[in-house]
Amino acid sequence: MAKFQFRFQTLLAHHRREEDQRQRELAQHLRTRMIFHDQIRDMQDTIRDSKQAMADGLVGKVDLTRVGQFARYSGHASQRARQIVHRLAGVEKQIDQARQTLLDATKQRKSLELLRENHETQWRYEQNRRETNEMDELATTRYAYRLMIGGAS
């Protein structure tokens, strides 16, 4: 029996690779976003712990050097957090674009897979029709042969 050959198999394989690449790109953007979120969370934790330590240090004799260090660190951390949030906004835009690109690639792949399924269904129908015709022809030939042999006696 013949094997089904899809004319656009190379194109379908290309679209599958394209979709895989778009998934990897989206995953990279999501990973970057997760890293930024972790950095912000770590900074918040550190500031919270530093505030607690500062509050404990304000009881009794006050160490002004320590208060100054905390103020500088807090200002630096706030500036760094703003930078990260700004970069995070850019990453969010990239994520949206990557999702849309992935969606488009998936649509293209699925449309080709649907075309492949339709072609294969049509091919199977034609194969069955040919086999049925061959079986009918074989049966007709066999019947004619039996008639000839039976009629010759």
C-alpha atoms as a PDB file:
ATOM      1  CA  MET A   1       0.000   0.000   0.000  1.00  0.00           C
ATOM      2  CA  ALA A   2       1.242   3.471  -0.864  1.00  0.00           C
ATOM      3  CA  LYS A   3       2.291   5.873   1.857  1.00  0.00           C
ATOM      4  CA  PHE A   4       0.762   9.328   2.242  1.00  0.00           C
ATOM      5  CA  GLN A   5       3.104  12.168   1.286  1.00  0.00           C
ATOM      6  CA  PHE A   6       2.114  15.706   2.309  1.00  0.00           C
ATOM      7  CA  ARG A   7       3.308  18.200  -0.289  1.00  0.00           C
ATOM      8  CA  PHE A   8       3.902  20.896   2.308  1.00  0.00           C
ATOM      9  CA  GLN A   9       5.642  18.711   4.923  1.00  0.00           C
ATOM     10  CA  THR A  10       8.793  20.844   4.782  1.00  0.00           C
ATOM     11  CA  LEU A  11       6.756  23.989   5.349  1.00  0.00           C
ATOM     12  CA  LEU A  12       4.899  22.343   8.230  1.00  0.00           C
ATOM     13  CA  ALA A  13       8.212  21.328   9.818  1.00  0.00           C
ATOM     14  CA  HIS A  14       9.441  24.905   9.401  1.00  0.00           C
ATOM     15  CA  HIS A  15       6.334  26.258  11.150  1.00  0.00           C
ATOM     16  CA  ARG A  16       6.802  23.759  13.995  1.00  0.00           C
ATOM     17  CA  ARG A  17      10.400  24.917  14.462  1.00  0.00           C
ATOM     18  CA  GLU A  18       9.243  28.529  14.278  1.00  0.00           C
ATOM     19  CA  GLU A  19       6.634  27.909  16.972  1.00  0.00           C
ATOM     20  CA  ASP A  20       9.217  26.187  19.178  1.00  0.00           C
ATOM     21  CA  GLN A  21      11.547  29.176  18.786  1.00  0.00           C
ATOM     22  CA  ARG A  22       8.740  31.578  19.741  1.00  0.00           C
ATOM     23  CA  GLN A  23       8.012  29.458  22.833  1.00  0.00           C
ATOM     24  CA  ARG A  24      11.667  29.640  23.853  1.00  0.00           C
ATOM     25  CA  GLU A  25      11.692  33.421  23.378  1.00  0.00           C
ATOM     26  CA  LEU A  26       8.567  33.825  25.494  1.00  0.00           C
ATOM     27  CA  ALA A  27      10.058  31.594  28.184  1.00  0.00           C
ATOM     28  CA  GLN A  28      13.205  33.743  28.223  1.00  0.00           C
ATOM     29  CA  HIS A  29      11.149  36.918  28.696  1.00  0.00           C
ATOM     30  CA  LEU A  30       9.124  35.269  31.458  1.00  0.00           C
ATOM     31  CA  ARG A  31      12.348  34.182  33.151  1.00  0.00           C
ATOM     32  CA  THR A  32      13.691  37.744  32.975  1.00  0.00           C
ATOM     33  CA  ARG A  33      10.467  39.021  34.535  1.00  0.00           C
ATOM     34  CA  MET A  34      10.768  36.454  37.323  1.00  0.00           C
ATOM     35  CA  ILE A  35      14.362  37.560  37.999  1.00  0.00           C
ATOM     36  CA  PHE A  36      13.278  41.203  38.255  1.00  0.00           C
ATOM     37  CA  HIS A  37      10.424  40.292  40.597  1.00  0.00           C
ATOM     38  CA  ASP A  38      12.864  38.310  42.754  1.00  0.00           C
ATOM     39  CA  GLN A  39      15.287  41.242  42.860  1.00  0.00           C
ATOM     40  CA  ILE A  40      12.540  43.637  43.947  1.00  0.00           C
ATOM     41  CA  ARG A  41      11.309  41.188  46.567  1.00  0.00           C
ATOM     42  CA  ASP A  42      14.867  40.726  47.902  1.00  0.00           C
ATOM     43  CA  MET A  43      15.334  44.497  48.120  1.00  0.00           C
ATOM     44  CA  GLN A  44      12.026  44.871  49.945  1.00  0.00           C
ATOM     45  CA  ASP A  45      13.033  42.138  52.396  1.00  0.00           C
ATOM     46  CA  THR A  46      16.427  43.754  52.991  1.00  0.00           C
ATOM     47  CA  ILE A  47      14.899  47.200  53.538  1.00  0.00           C
ATOM     48  CA  ARG A  48      12.327  45.740  55.911  1.00  0.00           C
ATOM     49  CA  ASP A  49      15.033  43.939  57.888  1.00  0.00           C
ATOM     50  CA  SER A  50      17.201  47.072  57.916  1.00  0.00           C
ATOM     51  CA  LYS A  51      14.282  49.166  59.179  1.00  0.00           C
ATOM     52  CA  GLN A  52      13.712  46.652  61.952  1.00  0.00           C
ATOM     53  CA  ALA A  53      17.395  46.727  62.886  1.00  0.00           C
ATOM     54  CA  MET A  54      17.353  50.538  62.726  1.00  0.00           C
ATOM     55  CA  ALA A  55      14.309  50.694  64.993  1.00  0.00           C
ATOM     56  CA  ASP A  56      16.103  48.452  67.476  1.00  0.00           C
ATOM     57  CA  GLY A  57      19.178  50.715  67.239  1.00  0.00           C
ATOM     58  CA  LEU A  58      17.171  53.828  68.062  1.00  0.00           C
ATOM     59  CA  VAL A  59      16.549  52.619  71.592  1.00  0.00           C
ATOM     60  CA  GLY A  60      19.008  54.142  74.018  1.00  0.00           C
ATOM     61  CA  LYS A  61      22.145  55.691  72.534  1.00  0.00           C
ATOM     62  CA  VAL A  62      21.638  56.543  68.806  1.00  0.00           C
ATOM     63  CA  ASP A  63      24.448  55.735  66.373  1.00  0.00           C
ATOM     64  CA  LEU A  64      24.254  58.520  63.778  1.00  0.00           C
ATOM     65  CA  THR A  65      26.725  56.772  61.474  1.00  0.00           C
ATOM     66  CA  ARG A  66      24.408  53.802  61.313  1.00  0.00           C
ATOM     67  CA  VAL A  67      21.398  56.047  60.670  1.00  0.00           C
ATOM     68  CA  GLY A  68      23.287  57.746  57.820  1.00  0.00           C
ATOM     69  CA  GLN A  69      24.299  54.416  56.329  1.00  0.00           C
ATOM     70  CA  PHE A  70      20.692  53.249  56.421  1.00  0.00           C
ATOM     71  CA  ALA A  71      19.475  56.455  54.771  1.00  0.00           C
ATOM     72  CA  ARG A  72      22.059  56.125  51.973  1.00  0.00           C
ATOM     73  CA  TYR A  73      21.284  52.433  51.492  1.00  0.00           C
ATOM     74  CA  SER A  74      17.553  53.100  51.487  1.00  0.00           C
ATOM     75  CA  GLY A  75      17.923  55.848  48.874  1.00  0.00           C
ATOM     76  CA  HIS A  76      20.153  53.665  46.716  1.00  0.00           C
ATOM     77  CA  ALA A  77      17.778  50.703  47.016  1.00  0.00           C
ATOM     78  CA  SER A  78      14.789  52.884  46.097  1.00  0.00           C
ATOM     79  CA  GLN A  79      16.610  54.207  43.019  1.00  0.00           C
ATOM     80  CA  ARG A  80      17.609  50.663  42.017  1.00  0.00           C
ATOM     81  CA  ALA A  81      14.021  49.473  42.521  1.00  0.00           C
ATOM     82  CA  ARG A  82      12.727  52.261  40.243  1.00  0.00           C
ATOM     83  CA  GLN A  83      15.239  51.199  37.580  1.00  0.00           C
ATOM     84  CA  ILE A  84      14.148  47.595  37.868  1.00  0.00           C
ATOM     85  CA  VAL A  85      10.466  48.562  37.680  1.00  0.00           C
ATOM     86  CA  HIS A  86      11.213  50.624  34.558  1.00  0.00           C
ATOM     87  CA  ARG A  87      13.038  47.676  32.977  1.00  0.00           C
ATOM     88  CA  LEU A  88      10.225  45.387  34.114  1.00  0.00           C
ATOM     89  CA  ALA A  89       7.728  47.523  32.192  1.00  0.00           C
ATOM     90  CA  GLY A  90       9.826  47.003  29.053  1.00  0.00           C
ATOM     91  CA  VAL A  91       9.939  43.263  29.686  1.00  0.00           C
ATOM     92  CA  GLU A  92       6.143  43.201  30.063  1.00  0.00           C
ATOM     93  CA  LYS A  93       5.826  44.788  26.602  1.00  0.00           C
ATOM     94  CA  GLN A  94       8.240  42.185  25.219  1.00  0.00           C
ATOM     95  CA  ILE A  95       6.188  39.427  26.844  1.00  0.00           C
ATOM     96  CA  ASP A  96       3.007  40.737  25.218  1.00  0.00           C
ATOM     97  CA  GLN A  97       4.722  40.896  21.836  1.00  0.00           C
ATOM     98  CA  ALA A  98       6.225  37.421  22.279  1.00  0.00           C
ATOM     99  CA  ARG A  99       2.824  35.990  23.205  1.00  0.00           C
ATOM    100  CA  GLN A 100       1.253  37.523  20.112  1.00  0.00           C
ATOM    101  CA  THR A 101       4.072  36.229  17.913  1.00  0.00           C
ATOM    102  CA  LEU A 102       3.703  32.760  19.460  1.00  0.00           C
ATOM    103  CA  LEU A 103      -0.053  32.892  18.892  1.00  0.00           C
ATOM    104  CA  ASP A 104       0.491  33.772  15.216  1.00  0.00           C
ATOM    105  CA  ALA A 105       3.039  30.972  14.796  1.00  0.00           C
ATOM    106  CA  THR A 106       0.648  28.504  16.437  1.00  0.00           C
ATOM    107  CA  LYS A 107      -2.183  29.567  14.123  1.00  0.00           C
ATOM    108  CA  GLN A 108       0.020  29.059  11.064  1.00  0.00           C
ATOM    109  CA  ARG A 109       1.136  25.614  12.247  1.00  0.00           C
ATOM    110  CA  LYS A 110      -2.418  24.535  13.070  1.00  0.00           C
ATOM    111  CA  SER A 111      -3.730  25.705   9.714  1.00  0.00           C
ATOM    112  CA  LEU A 112      -1.075  23.622   7.944  1.00  0.00           C
ATOM    113  CA  GLU A 113      -1.841  20.632  10.149  1.00  0.00           C
ATOM    114  CA  LEU A 114      -5.521  20.988   9.281  1.00  0.00           C
ATOM    115  CA  LEU A 115      -4.610  21.154   5.599  1.00  0.00           C
ATOM    116  CA  ARG A 116      -2.473  18.023   6.073  1.00  0.00           C
ATOM    117  CA  GLU A 117      -5.365  16.196   7.753  1.00  0.00           C
ATOM    118  CA  ASN A 118      -7.725  17.188   4.929  1.00  0.00           C
ATOM    119  CA  HIS A 119      -5.242  16.044   2.287  1.00  0.00           C
ATOM    120  CA  GLU A 120      -4.673  12.768   4.107  1.00  0.00           C
ATOM    121  CA  THR A 121      -8.428  12.169   4.427  1.00  0.00           C
ATOM    122  CA  GLN A 122      -8.849  12.812   0.707  1.00  0.00           C
ATOM    123  CA  TRP A 123      -5.866  10.566  -0.060  1.00  0.00           C
ATOM    124  CA  ARG A 124      -7.323   7.729   2.064  1.00  0.00           C
ATOM    125  CA  TYR A 125     -10.680   8.121   0.333  1.00  0.00           C
ATOM    126  CA  GLU A 126      -8.970   7.858  -3.074  1.00  0.00           C
ATOM    127  CA  GLN A 127      -6.934   4.834  -1.919  1.00  0.00           C
ATOM    128  CA  ASN A 128     -10.085   3.056  -0.729  1.00  0.00           C
ATOM    129  CA  ARG A 129     -11.867   3.914  -3.981  1.00  0.00           C
ATOM    130  CA  ARG A 130      -8.953   2.509  -6.039  1.00  0.00           C
ATOM    131  CA  GLU A 131      -8.805  -0.650  -3.944  1.00  0.00           C
ATOM    132  CA  THR A 132     -12.558  -1.126  -4.308  1.00  0.00           C
ATOM    133  CA  ASN A 133     -12.293  -0.669  -8.085  1.00  0.00           C
ATOM    134  CA  GLU A 134      -9.406  -3.143  -8.253  1.00  0.00           C
ATOM    135  CA  MET A 135     -11.363  -5.685  -6.205  1.00  0.00           C
ATOM    136  CA  ASP A 136     -14.412  -5.208  -8.463  1.00  0.00           C
ATOM    137  CA  GLU A 137     -12.253  -5.647 -11.552  1.00  0.00           C
ATOM    138  CA  LEU A 138     -10.632  -8.756 -10.081  1.00  0.00           C
ATOM    139  CA  ALA A 139     -14.033 -10.226  -9.203  1.00  0.00           C
ATOM    140  CA  THR A 140     -15.357  -9.431 -12.687  1.00  0.00           C
ATOM    141  CA  THR A 141     -12.314 -11.029 -14.301  1.00  0.00           C
ATOM    142  CA  ARG A 142     -12.636 -14.111 -12.109  1.00  0.00           C
ATOM    143  CA  TYR A 143     -16.370 -14.372 -12.915  1.00  0.00           C
ATOM    144  CA  ALA A 144     -15.655 -14.035 -16.634  1.00  0.00           C
ATOM    145  CA  TYR A 145     -12.928 -16.677 -16.382  1.00  0.00           C
ATOM    146  CA  ARG A 146     -15.313 -19.093 -14.635  1.00  0.00           C
ATOM    147  CA  LEU A 147     -17.934 -18.486 -17.269  1.00  0.00           C
ATOM    148  CA  MET A 148     -15.427 -19.215 -20.008  1.00  0.00           C
ATOM    149  CA  ILE A 149     -14.254 -22.388 -18.312  1.00  0.00           C
ATOM    150  CA  GLY A 150     -17.777 -23.459 -17.463  1.00  0.00           C
ATOM    151  CA  GLY A 151     -19.034 -22.557 -20.965  1.00  0.00           C
ATOM    152  CA  ALA A 152     -16.225 -24.452 -22.723  1.00  0.00           C
ATOM    153  CA  SER A 153     -17.115 -27.763 -21.177  1.00  0.00           C
END
